N, C-alpha and C. Protein backbone atom coordinates (compact mmCIF):
# COMPACT_ATOMS: atom_id res chain seq x y z
N MET A 1 -30.59 -14.39 45.38
CA MET A 1 -29.40 -13.69 45.44
C MET A 1 -29.57 -12.26 44.85
N SER A 2 -28.99 -11.23 45.40
CA SER A 2 -29.16 -9.98 44.89
C SER A 2 -28.16 -9.77 43.72
N PRO A 3 -28.53 -8.81 42.67
CA PRO A 3 -27.81 -8.53 41.57
C PRO A 3 -26.48 -8.04 41.88
N ARG A 4 -26.30 -7.35 42.97
CA ARG A 4 -24.98 -6.77 43.38
C ARG A 4 -23.98 -7.81 43.78
N LEU A 5 -24.47 -8.94 44.40
CA LEU A 5 -23.58 -9.98 44.73
C LEU A 5 -23.06 -10.85 43.44
N LEU A 6 -23.85 -10.82 42.35
CA LEU A 6 -23.57 -11.50 41.21
C LEU A 6 -22.55 -10.76 40.31
N ILE A 7 -22.44 -9.55 40.36
CA ILE A 7 -21.65 -8.68 39.51
C ILE A 7 -20.14 -8.99 39.64
N LYS A 8 -19.73 -9.01 40.82
CA LYS A 8 -18.25 -9.20 41.18
C LYS A 8 -17.81 -10.58 40.54
N PRO A 9 -18.42 -11.70 41.01
CA PRO A 9 -17.94 -13.04 40.44
C PRO A 9 -18.21 -13.09 38.88
N LEU A 10 -19.22 -12.52 38.33
CA LEU A 10 -19.46 -12.61 36.96
C LEU A 10 -18.40 -11.74 36.19
N ALA A 11 -18.04 -10.65 36.80
CA ALA A 11 -17.02 -9.74 36.08
C ALA A 11 -15.64 -10.50 36.18
N LEU A 12 -15.29 -11.19 37.22
CA LEU A 12 -14.06 -11.98 37.39
C LEU A 12 -14.07 -13.07 36.44
N ALA A 13 -15.17 -13.83 36.16
CA ALA A 13 -15.34 -14.87 35.27
C ALA A 13 -14.98 -14.35 33.90
N LEU A 14 -15.65 -13.29 33.46
CA LEU A 14 -15.37 -12.70 32.06
C LEU A 14 -14.04 -12.25 32.00
N LEU A 15 -13.39 -11.65 33.00
CA LEU A 15 -11.97 -11.24 32.80
C LEU A 15 -11.15 -12.38 32.73
N THR A 16 -11.32 -13.56 33.41
CA THR A 16 -10.50 -14.75 33.30
C THR A 16 -10.66 -15.37 31.82
N ALA A 17 -11.87 -15.34 31.41
CA ALA A 17 -12.23 -16.03 30.04
C ALA A 17 -11.53 -15.14 28.98
N SER A 18 -11.49 -13.84 29.12
CA SER A 18 -10.99 -12.93 28.14
C SER A 18 -9.36 -13.05 28.11
N LEU A 19 -8.81 -13.23 29.23
CA LEU A 19 -7.36 -13.51 29.40
C LEU A 19 -7.07 -14.80 28.81
N ALA A 20 -7.76 -15.82 29.09
CA ALA A 20 -7.47 -17.06 28.52
C ALA A 20 -7.61 -17.15 26.95
N ALA A 21 -8.58 -16.48 26.43
CA ALA A 21 -8.81 -16.31 24.97
C ALA A 21 -7.53 -15.60 24.32
N CYS A 22 -7.09 -14.62 24.96
CA CYS A 22 -5.97 -13.89 24.50
C CYS A 22 -4.66 -14.67 24.39
N SER A 23 -4.64 -15.56 25.35
CA SER A 23 -3.41 -16.38 25.30
C SER A 23 -3.34 -17.52 24.24
N LEU A 24 -4.62 -17.75 23.68
CA LEU A 24 -4.68 -18.84 22.63
C LEU A 24 -4.25 -18.27 21.26
N HIS A 25 -4.09 -16.92 21.03
CA HIS A 25 -3.66 -16.34 19.88
C HIS A 25 -2.10 -16.46 19.78
N ALA A 26 -1.66 -16.71 18.62
CA ALA A 26 -0.15 -16.79 18.37
C ALA A 26 0.41 -15.46 18.48
N PRO A 27 1.63 -15.27 18.87
CA PRO A 27 2.23 -14.03 18.85
C PRO A 27 2.43 -13.40 17.37
N ALA A 28 2.53 -12.19 17.26
CA ALA A 28 2.78 -11.59 15.97
C ALA A 28 4.04 -12.12 15.34
N PRO A 29 4.09 -12.41 14.09
CA PRO A 29 5.37 -12.93 13.50
C PRO A 29 6.36 -11.84 13.47
N ALA A 30 7.64 -12.31 13.66
CA ALA A 30 8.67 -11.37 13.59
C ALA A 30 9.08 -11.13 12.17
N LYS A 31 9.69 -9.88 11.96
CA LYS A 31 10.05 -9.53 10.62
C LYS A 31 11.08 -10.49 10.06
N SER A 32 10.83 -10.87 8.84
CA SER A 32 11.86 -11.83 8.29
C SER A 32 12.44 -11.23 6.93
N ALA A 33 13.29 -12.01 6.43
CA ALA A 33 13.88 -11.54 5.14
C ALA A 33 12.85 -11.39 4.05
N ALA A 34 11.67 -12.14 4.14
CA ALA A 34 10.61 -12.16 3.23
C ALA A 34 9.65 -10.80 3.37
N THR A 35 9.84 -10.11 4.47
CA THR A 35 9.04 -9.01 4.67
C THR A 35 9.23 -7.93 3.56
N PRO A 36 8.19 -7.52 2.92
CA PRO A 36 8.36 -6.53 1.77
C PRO A 36 8.96 -5.32 2.27
N ASN A 37 9.76 -4.70 1.41
CA ASN A 37 10.47 -3.43 1.62
C ASN A 37 9.54 -2.41 0.83
N ASN A 38 8.39 -2.10 1.49
CA ASN A 38 7.40 -1.25 0.80
C ASN A 38 7.06 0.02 1.46
N GLU A 39 7.95 0.41 2.36
CA GLU A 39 7.76 1.71 3.10
C GLU A 39 8.19 3.02 2.36
N ASP A 40 9.13 2.87 1.32
CA ASP A 40 9.62 4.01 0.63
C ASP A 40 10.05 3.56 -0.72
N TRP A 41 10.11 4.60 -1.70
CA TRP A 41 10.52 4.37 -3.00
C TRP A 41 10.98 5.68 -3.60
N TYR A 42 12.09 5.62 -4.32
CA TYR A 42 12.83 6.75 -4.87
C TYR A 42 13.18 6.56 -6.34
N GLN A 43 13.04 7.73 -7.01
CA GLN A 43 13.47 7.86 -8.41
C GLN A 43 14.30 9.00 -8.68
N VAL A 44 15.37 8.81 -9.56
CA VAL A 44 16.17 9.95 -10.12
C VAL A 44 16.13 9.88 -11.50
N ARG A 45 15.66 10.88 -12.20
CA ARG A 45 15.63 10.97 -13.69
C ARG A 45 16.62 11.87 -14.19
N THR A 46 17.40 11.38 -15.12
CA THR A 46 18.37 12.17 -15.86
C THR A 46 17.85 12.38 -17.23
N ASP A 47 18.66 12.92 -18.22
CA ASP A 47 18.12 13.11 -19.46
C ASP A 47 17.82 11.86 -20.24
N ASN A 48 18.69 10.76 -19.95
CA ASN A 48 18.42 9.52 -20.68
C ASN A 48 18.08 8.41 -19.74
N GLU A 49 18.14 8.44 -18.44
CA GLU A 49 17.91 7.26 -17.53
C GLU A 49 17.05 7.63 -16.39
N LEU A 50 16.40 6.57 -15.95
CA LEU A 50 15.50 6.60 -14.81
C LEU A 50 16.19 5.57 -13.81
N PHE A 51 16.62 6.11 -12.67
CA PHE A 51 17.30 5.20 -11.65
C PHE A 51 16.18 5.09 -10.65
N VAL A 52 15.86 3.83 -10.13
CA VAL A 52 14.78 3.41 -9.25
C VAL A 52 15.38 2.76 -8.06
N PHE A 53 15.11 3.21 -6.82
CA PHE A 53 15.60 2.73 -5.58
C PHE A 53 14.47 2.26 -4.68
N ASP A 54 14.82 1.24 -3.90
CA ASP A 54 14.04 0.86 -2.82
C ASP A 54 14.61 0.97 -1.45
N ASP A 55 15.91 1.41 -1.50
CA ASP A 55 16.70 1.61 -0.15
C ASP A 55 17.03 2.98 0.01
N TYR A 56 16.77 3.63 1.08
CA TYR A 56 17.14 5.05 1.41
C TYR A 56 18.61 5.31 1.37
N GLN A 57 19.36 4.40 1.92
CA GLN A 57 20.81 4.72 1.99
C GLN A 57 21.50 4.60 0.68
N VAL A 58 21.09 3.71 -0.19
CA VAL A 58 21.54 3.54 -1.52
C VAL A 58 21.11 4.87 -2.24
N PHE A 59 19.93 5.24 -2.19
CA PHE A 59 19.50 6.45 -2.75
C PHE A 59 20.35 7.79 -2.39
N ARG A 60 20.52 7.86 -1.10
CA ARG A 60 21.33 9.05 -0.58
C ARG A 60 22.83 9.02 -1.01
N ASP A 61 23.39 7.77 -1.11
CA ASP A 61 24.82 7.59 -1.49
C ASP A 61 24.84 7.99 -2.90
N PHE A 62 23.81 7.50 -3.71
CA PHE A 62 23.72 7.93 -5.17
C PHE A 62 23.64 9.42 -5.47
N LEU A 63 22.90 10.08 -4.54
CA LEU A 63 22.77 11.52 -4.75
C LEU A 63 24.06 12.24 -4.58
N GLU A 64 24.93 11.71 -3.58
CA GLU A 64 26.23 12.22 -3.33
C GLU A 64 27.37 11.81 -4.26
N THR A 65 27.29 10.60 -4.73
CA THR A 65 28.42 10.10 -5.58
C THR A 65 28.00 9.77 -7.03
N GLY A 66 26.73 9.61 -7.21
CA GLY A 66 26.39 9.09 -8.60
C GLY A 66 26.59 7.66 -8.79
N LYS A 67 26.82 6.94 -7.66
CA LYS A 67 27.04 5.50 -7.69
C LYS A 67 26.20 4.72 -6.87
N ALA A 68 25.97 3.51 -7.10
CA ALA A 68 25.17 2.57 -6.26
C ALA A 68 26.07 1.28 -6.18
N PRO A 69 25.82 0.48 -5.02
CA PRO A 69 26.62 -0.78 -4.99
C PRO A 69 26.29 -1.79 -6.26
N TYR A 70 25.09 -1.72 -6.78
CA TYR A 70 24.73 -2.50 -7.92
C TYR A 70 23.78 -1.73 -8.79
N LEU A 71 24.03 -1.67 -10.13
CA LEU A 71 23.06 -1.10 -10.97
C LEU A 71 22.66 -2.15 -11.98
N LYS A 72 21.31 -2.34 -12.18
CA LYS A 72 20.70 -3.41 -12.96
C LYS A 72 19.93 -2.62 -14.08
N ASP A 73 20.42 -2.59 -15.23
CA ASP A 73 19.74 -2.08 -16.43
C ASP A 73 18.74 -3.03 -16.85
N LEU A 74 17.40 -2.61 -16.87
CA LEU A 74 16.28 -3.55 -17.25
C LEU A 74 16.20 -3.74 -18.77
N GLN A 75 16.93 -3.04 -19.52
CA GLN A 75 16.92 -3.16 -20.99
C GLN A 75 15.46 -2.80 -21.53
N GLN A 76 14.91 -1.85 -20.82
CA GLN A 76 13.63 -1.29 -21.35
C GLN A 76 13.63 0.16 -20.92
N GLN A 77 12.64 0.82 -21.67
CA GLN A 77 12.52 2.22 -21.46
C GLN A 77 11.11 2.51 -20.94
N ASP A 78 11.02 3.68 -20.15
CA ASP A 78 9.77 4.11 -19.62
C ASP A 78 8.99 4.88 -20.85
N LYS A 79 7.84 5.33 -20.53
CA LYS A 79 7.07 6.00 -21.62
C LYS A 79 7.66 7.42 -22.12
N HIS A 80 8.66 7.85 -21.34
CA HIS A 80 9.26 9.11 -21.62
C HIS A 80 10.64 8.84 -22.34
N GLY A 81 10.89 7.50 -22.76
CA GLY A 81 12.14 7.16 -23.41
C GLY A 81 13.34 6.93 -22.64
N GLN A 82 13.24 6.94 -21.34
CA GLN A 82 14.44 6.85 -20.45
C GLN A 82 14.71 5.39 -20.17
N SER A 83 15.97 5.01 -20.24
CA SER A 83 16.31 3.70 -19.79
C SER A 83 16.14 3.41 -18.32
N ILE A 84 15.47 2.29 -17.89
CA ILE A 84 15.14 2.06 -16.46
C ILE A 84 16.24 1.29 -15.91
N ILE A 85 16.76 1.76 -14.88
CA ILE A 85 17.94 1.13 -14.08
C ILE A 85 17.52 0.99 -12.66
N LEU A 86 17.60 -0.20 -12.21
CA LEU A 86 17.47 -0.40 -10.67
C LEU A 86 18.77 -0.16 -9.95
N ALA A 87 18.80 0.63 -8.95
CA ALA A 87 19.92 0.96 -8.10
C ALA A 87 19.68 0.17 -6.80
N LEU A 88 20.67 -0.86 -6.61
CA LEU A 88 20.28 -1.84 -5.49
C LEU A 88 21.41 -1.90 -4.51
N ARG A 89 21.10 -2.52 -3.38
CA ARG A 89 22.12 -2.85 -2.38
C ARG A 89 22.84 -4.01 -2.92
N ALA A 90 24.10 -4.22 -2.59
CA ALA A 90 24.93 -5.39 -3.07
C ALA A 90 24.22 -6.63 -2.85
N GLU A 91 23.67 -6.89 -1.66
CA GLU A 91 23.02 -8.10 -1.32
C GLU A 91 21.67 -8.45 -2.20
N ASP A 92 21.30 -7.48 -2.98
CA ASP A 92 20.18 -7.65 -3.70
C ASP A 92 20.44 -8.09 -5.20
N GLN A 93 21.68 -7.99 -5.64
CA GLN A 93 21.94 -8.20 -7.05
C GLN A 93 21.57 -9.63 -7.43
N GLY A 94 21.66 -10.59 -6.65
CA GLY A 94 21.38 -12.04 -7.04
C GLY A 94 19.85 -12.26 -7.04
N LYS A 95 19.04 -11.37 -6.50
CA LYS A 95 17.53 -11.67 -6.39
C LYS A 95 17.00 -11.62 -7.84
N GLU A 96 15.88 -12.35 -7.90
CA GLU A 96 15.00 -12.31 -9.05
C GLU A 96 14.25 -10.97 -9.11
N LEU A 97 13.96 -10.42 -10.23
CA LEU A 97 13.29 -9.19 -10.34
C LEU A 97 12.06 -9.13 -9.49
N GLN A 98 11.35 -10.17 -9.48
CA GLN A 98 9.97 -10.23 -8.74
C GLN A 98 10.24 -10.13 -7.24
N GLN A 99 11.41 -10.25 -6.74
CA GLN A 99 11.73 -10.17 -5.23
C GLN A 99 12.30 -8.78 -5.01
N ILE A 100 12.46 -7.89 -5.86
CA ILE A 100 12.95 -6.54 -5.63
C ILE A 100 11.87 -5.60 -5.51
N ALA A 101 11.69 -4.86 -4.38
CA ALA A 101 10.59 -3.95 -4.21
C ALA A 101 10.64 -2.82 -5.20
N ALA A 102 11.74 -2.36 -5.48
CA ALA A 102 11.70 -1.24 -6.54
C ALA A 102 11.13 -1.61 -7.93
N TYR A 103 11.37 -2.81 -8.30
CA TYR A 103 10.84 -3.41 -9.53
C TYR A 103 9.37 -3.58 -9.35
N GLN A 104 8.94 -4.09 -8.19
CA GLN A 104 7.57 -4.40 -7.98
C GLN A 104 6.75 -3.23 -7.87
N PHE A 105 7.27 -2.15 -7.31
CA PHE A 105 6.55 -0.83 -7.26
C PHE A 105 6.46 -0.29 -8.76
N LEU A 106 7.44 -0.36 -9.50
CA LEU A 106 7.38 0.07 -10.87
C LEU A 106 6.35 -0.58 -11.67
N ASN A 107 6.09 -1.86 -11.29
CA ASN A 107 5.13 -2.68 -12.18
C ASN A 107 3.84 -2.64 -11.35
N VAL A 108 3.69 -1.95 -10.36
CA VAL A 108 2.40 -1.84 -9.55
C VAL A 108 2.03 -3.31 -9.15
N SER A 109 2.91 -4.06 -8.58
CA SER A 109 2.60 -5.36 -8.02
C SER A 109 3.00 -5.58 -6.54
N LEU A 110 3.27 -4.45 -5.90
CA LEU A 110 3.62 -4.47 -4.44
C LEU A 110 2.75 -3.38 -3.73
N PRO A 111 1.85 -3.74 -2.93
CA PRO A 111 1.06 -2.76 -2.16
C PRO A 111 1.97 -1.99 -1.34
N PRO A 112 1.80 -0.73 -1.19
CA PRO A 112 2.66 0.10 -0.32
C PRO A 112 2.23 0.04 1.15
N ALA A 113 3.28 0.20 2.01
CA ALA A 113 2.97 0.29 3.43
C ALA A 113 2.27 1.61 3.76
N ASN A 114 1.67 1.67 4.89
CA ASN A 114 1.11 2.82 5.46
C ASN A 114 1.66 3.12 6.71
N PRO A 115 2.51 4.20 6.93
CA PRO A 115 2.74 5.26 6.08
C PRO A 115 3.76 4.89 4.91
N PHE A 116 3.70 5.65 3.87
CA PHE A 116 4.53 5.56 2.72
C PHE A 116 5.24 6.79 2.42
N TYR A 117 6.39 6.84 1.88
CA TYR A 117 7.21 7.95 1.60
C TYR A 117 7.90 7.70 0.23
N GLY A 118 7.89 8.80 -0.64
CA GLY A 118 8.50 8.66 -1.92
C GLY A 118 9.05 9.86 -2.53
N GLU A 119 10.05 9.80 -3.27
CA GLU A 119 10.63 11.03 -3.93
C GLU A 119 10.85 10.65 -5.47
N ILE A 120 10.70 11.68 -6.31
CA ILE A 120 11.04 11.65 -7.67
C ILE A 120 11.89 12.97 -7.78
N ARG A 121 13.10 12.83 -8.38
CA ARG A 121 14.04 13.85 -8.69
C ARG A 121 14.21 13.98 -10.12
N GLN A 122 13.90 15.18 -10.69
CA GLN A 122 14.19 15.40 -12.17
C GLN A 122 14.28 16.88 -12.40
N HIS A 123 15.16 17.13 -13.27
CA HIS A 123 15.40 18.62 -13.72
C HIS A 123 15.48 19.57 -12.55
N GLY A 124 16.14 19.32 -11.48
CA GLY A 124 16.35 20.21 -10.46
C GLY A 124 15.06 20.40 -9.53
N VAL A 125 14.19 19.47 -9.67
CA VAL A 125 12.95 19.55 -8.92
C VAL A 125 12.77 18.27 -8.03
N ILE A 126 12.33 18.34 -6.82
CA ILE A 126 12.20 17.09 -5.99
C ILE A 126 10.61 17.11 -5.71
N TYR A 127 10.11 15.96 -6.13
CA TYR A 127 8.70 15.74 -5.89
C TYR A 127 8.68 14.68 -4.65
N VAL A 128 7.81 14.99 -3.73
CA VAL A 128 7.70 14.25 -2.45
C VAL A 128 6.34 13.79 -2.32
N PHE A 129 6.18 12.49 -1.81
CA PHE A 129 4.84 11.95 -1.79
C PHE A 129 4.60 11.20 -0.51
N GLN A 130 3.44 11.14 -0.04
CA GLN A 130 2.99 10.27 1.07
C GLN A 130 2.05 9.12 0.74
N ARG A 131 1.72 9.19 -0.61
CA ARG A 131 0.89 8.13 -1.12
C ARG A 131 1.48 7.57 -2.52
N TYR A 132 1.56 6.34 -2.47
CA TYR A 132 2.11 5.67 -3.62
C TYR A 132 1.26 5.97 -4.90
N GLY A 133 0.00 6.11 -4.85
CA GLY A 133 -0.88 6.38 -5.99
C GLY A 133 -0.56 7.76 -6.57
N ASP A 134 -0.23 8.71 -5.81
CA ASP A 134 0.15 10.07 -6.26
C ASP A 134 1.47 10.01 -6.85
N MET A 135 2.36 9.23 -6.34
CA MET A 135 3.72 9.00 -7.02
C MET A 135 3.59 8.40 -8.36
N MET A 136 2.71 7.35 -8.38
CA MET A 136 2.48 6.66 -9.79
C MET A 136 1.87 7.67 -10.76
N ASP A 137 0.95 8.50 -10.36
CA ASP A 137 0.37 9.52 -11.25
C ASP A 137 1.42 10.45 -11.78
N THR A 138 2.33 10.87 -10.99
CA THR A 138 3.40 11.71 -11.31
C THR A 138 4.37 11.00 -12.20
N PHE A 139 4.68 9.75 -12.02
CA PHE A 139 5.61 8.98 -12.83
C PHE A 139 5.02 8.90 -14.16
N SER A 140 3.58 8.79 -14.26
CA SER A 140 3.02 8.63 -15.63
C SER A 140 2.78 10.01 -16.23
N LEU A 141 2.45 11.07 -15.53
CA LEU A 141 2.09 12.28 -16.12
C LEU A 141 3.19 13.31 -16.20
N GLY A 142 4.24 13.12 -15.37
CA GLY A 142 5.27 13.96 -15.27
C GLY A 142 5.29 15.00 -14.12
N GLU A 143 4.02 15.30 -13.63
CA GLU A 143 3.83 16.27 -12.49
C GLU A 143 2.61 15.67 -11.78
N PRO A 144 2.62 16.15 -10.38
CA PRO A 144 1.43 15.80 -9.65
C PRO A 144 0.16 16.66 -10.04
N ILE A 145 -1.02 16.08 -9.88
CA ILE A 145 -2.16 16.74 -10.30
C ILE A 145 -2.35 17.86 -9.31
N PHE A 146 -2.42 17.54 -8.03
CA PHE A 146 -2.55 18.55 -6.84
C PHE A 146 -1.20 18.60 -6.13
N ARG A 147 -0.84 19.79 -5.81
CA ARG A 147 0.57 20.00 -5.26
C ARG A 147 0.63 21.15 -4.28
N HIS A 148 1.56 21.14 -3.50
CA HIS A 148 2.05 22.38 -2.73
C HIS A 148 3.51 22.52 -3.07
N THR A 149 3.85 23.75 -3.59
CA THR A 149 5.27 23.97 -4.08
C THR A 149 6.05 24.90 -3.13
N GLU A 150 7.26 24.61 -2.81
CA GLU A 150 8.09 25.48 -1.99
C GLU A 150 9.30 25.71 -2.87
N ILE A 151 9.67 26.92 -3.16
CA ILE A 151 10.72 27.46 -3.90
C ILE A 151 12.03 27.37 -3.03
N ALA A 152 13.10 26.71 -3.68
CA ALA A 152 14.45 26.71 -2.96
C ALA A 152 14.45 26.04 -1.55
N SER A 153 13.56 25.12 -1.28
CA SER A 153 13.57 24.51 0.05
C SER A 153 14.14 23.12 0.03
N GLY A 154 14.78 22.73 -1.03
CA GLY A 154 15.44 21.42 -1.08
C GLY A 154 16.86 21.54 -0.49
N PRO A 155 17.55 20.41 -0.24
CA PRO A 155 18.86 20.52 0.39
C PRO A 155 19.90 21.27 -0.23
N ARG A 156 19.79 21.38 -1.54
CA ARG A 156 20.71 22.22 -2.34
C ARG A 156 19.99 23.34 -3.09
N GLY A 157 18.90 23.83 -2.53
CA GLY A 157 18.11 24.94 -3.07
C GLY A 157 17.22 24.58 -4.19
N GLU A 158 16.88 23.20 -4.25
CA GLU A 158 15.98 22.74 -5.25
C GLU A 158 14.60 23.21 -5.03
N ARG A 159 13.69 23.18 -5.90
CA ARG A 159 12.25 23.39 -5.84
C ARG A 159 11.64 22.15 -5.24
N VAL A 160 10.95 22.13 -4.24
CA VAL A 160 10.20 20.98 -3.77
C VAL A 160 8.77 21.05 -3.93
N VAL A 161 8.36 19.96 -4.49
CA VAL A 161 6.81 19.85 -4.79
C VAL A 161 6.21 18.75 -4.16
N TYR A 162 5.13 18.99 -3.31
CA TYR A 162 4.58 17.87 -2.51
C TYR A 162 3.23 17.50 -3.13
N GLY A 163 3.19 16.19 -3.43
CA GLY A 163 1.84 15.70 -4.00
C GLY A 163 0.77 15.66 -2.93
N LEU A 164 -0.37 16.16 -3.25
CA LEU A 164 -1.46 16.24 -2.46
C LEU A 164 -2.76 15.66 -3.04
N THR A 165 -3.81 15.44 -2.21
CA THR A 165 -5.14 15.18 -2.68
C THR A 165 -5.82 16.45 -2.86
N LYS A 166 -6.92 16.46 -3.58
CA LYS A 166 -7.63 17.68 -3.89
C LYS A 166 -8.06 18.46 -2.62
N GLU A 167 -8.34 17.66 -1.55
CA GLU A 167 -8.93 18.29 -0.27
C GLU A 167 -7.85 18.78 0.60
N GLU A 168 -6.57 18.39 0.51
CA GLU A 168 -5.45 18.69 1.30
C GLU A 168 -5.05 20.15 1.14
N SER A 169 -4.52 20.75 2.31
CA SER A 169 -3.95 21.99 2.36
C SER A 169 -2.44 21.77 2.46
N LYS A 170 -1.69 22.72 3.04
CA LYS A 170 -0.24 22.61 3.15
C LYS A 170 0.05 21.31 3.89
N PRO A 171 0.81 20.35 3.50
CA PRO A 171 1.13 19.12 4.09
C PRO A 171 2.25 19.09 5.18
N LEU A 172 1.90 19.69 6.29
CA LEU A 172 2.99 19.96 7.29
C LEU A 172 3.75 18.77 7.68
N THR A 173 3.07 17.63 7.85
CA THR A 173 3.73 16.45 8.33
C THR A 173 4.63 15.90 7.27
N LEU A 174 4.30 15.95 5.94
CA LEU A 174 5.12 15.57 4.96
C LEU A 174 6.25 16.45 4.86
N ILE A 175 6.13 17.71 4.88
CA ILE A 175 7.15 18.77 4.88
C ILE A 175 8.19 18.49 5.96
N ALA A 176 7.79 18.15 7.11
CA ALA A 176 8.62 17.87 8.31
C ALA A 176 9.45 16.71 8.08
N LYS A 177 8.73 15.51 7.39
CA LYS A 177 9.49 14.37 7.19
C LYS A 177 10.53 14.51 6.12
N PHE A 178 10.21 15.31 5.10
CA PHE A 178 11.19 15.57 4.02
C PHE A 178 12.42 16.37 4.74
N GLN A 179 12.16 17.31 5.40
CA GLN A 179 13.23 18.09 6.04
C GLN A 179 14.06 17.24 7.09
N ALA A 180 13.34 16.34 7.79
CA ALA A 180 14.05 15.38 8.60
C ALA A 180 15.01 14.44 7.76
N GLN A 181 14.55 14.07 6.60
CA GLN A 181 15.41 13.19 5.83
C GLN A 181 16.68 13.93 5.43
N TYR A 182 16.72 15.13 5.39
CA TYR A 182 17.90 16.02 4.94
C TYR A 182 18.45 16.84 6.09
N LYS A 183 17.84 16.52 7.28
CA LYS A 183 18.34 17.35 8.43
C LYS A 183 18.41 18.83 8.28
N ARG A 184 17.25 19.34 7.85
CA ARG A 184 17.12 20.80 7.53
C ARG A 184 16.41 21.44 8.75
């Protein structure tokens, strides 16, 4: 039998086997209530308090009103002497701390999603991050090690500082995401 005559039936057999193997795999699990909320993280520092958020809408409402559906004072201070307060959705108030993403991020016990987005607001400056590690460095040190700064580009004319890695140049994608968050 010539090799040309074998190719078509062999290809058909391989295709059939491949399709059969794919059908044996379970479908991807649907998102559930246990899915971690690890895509974004926000912090607002005042003179005496550090407010920590894991929900964008709660964060935005807090920026507008200074209020959140539920505030949980952790009765502890960060290394800068500020009281740490979780700003949560109403439905999260009964959860144990280990189930709250904002608390887990604070304690470095929740791996971030990829992509990740984060903001720290303090003293009229908005620090914006696309990597959790850069955000944690800034949380510890007070400022990012590598950065791109834009004067008066925040929603209310704030200085915006974008955390970078050493090799990065102007973070166009991160800037666009920040501006989209505030419809600029």
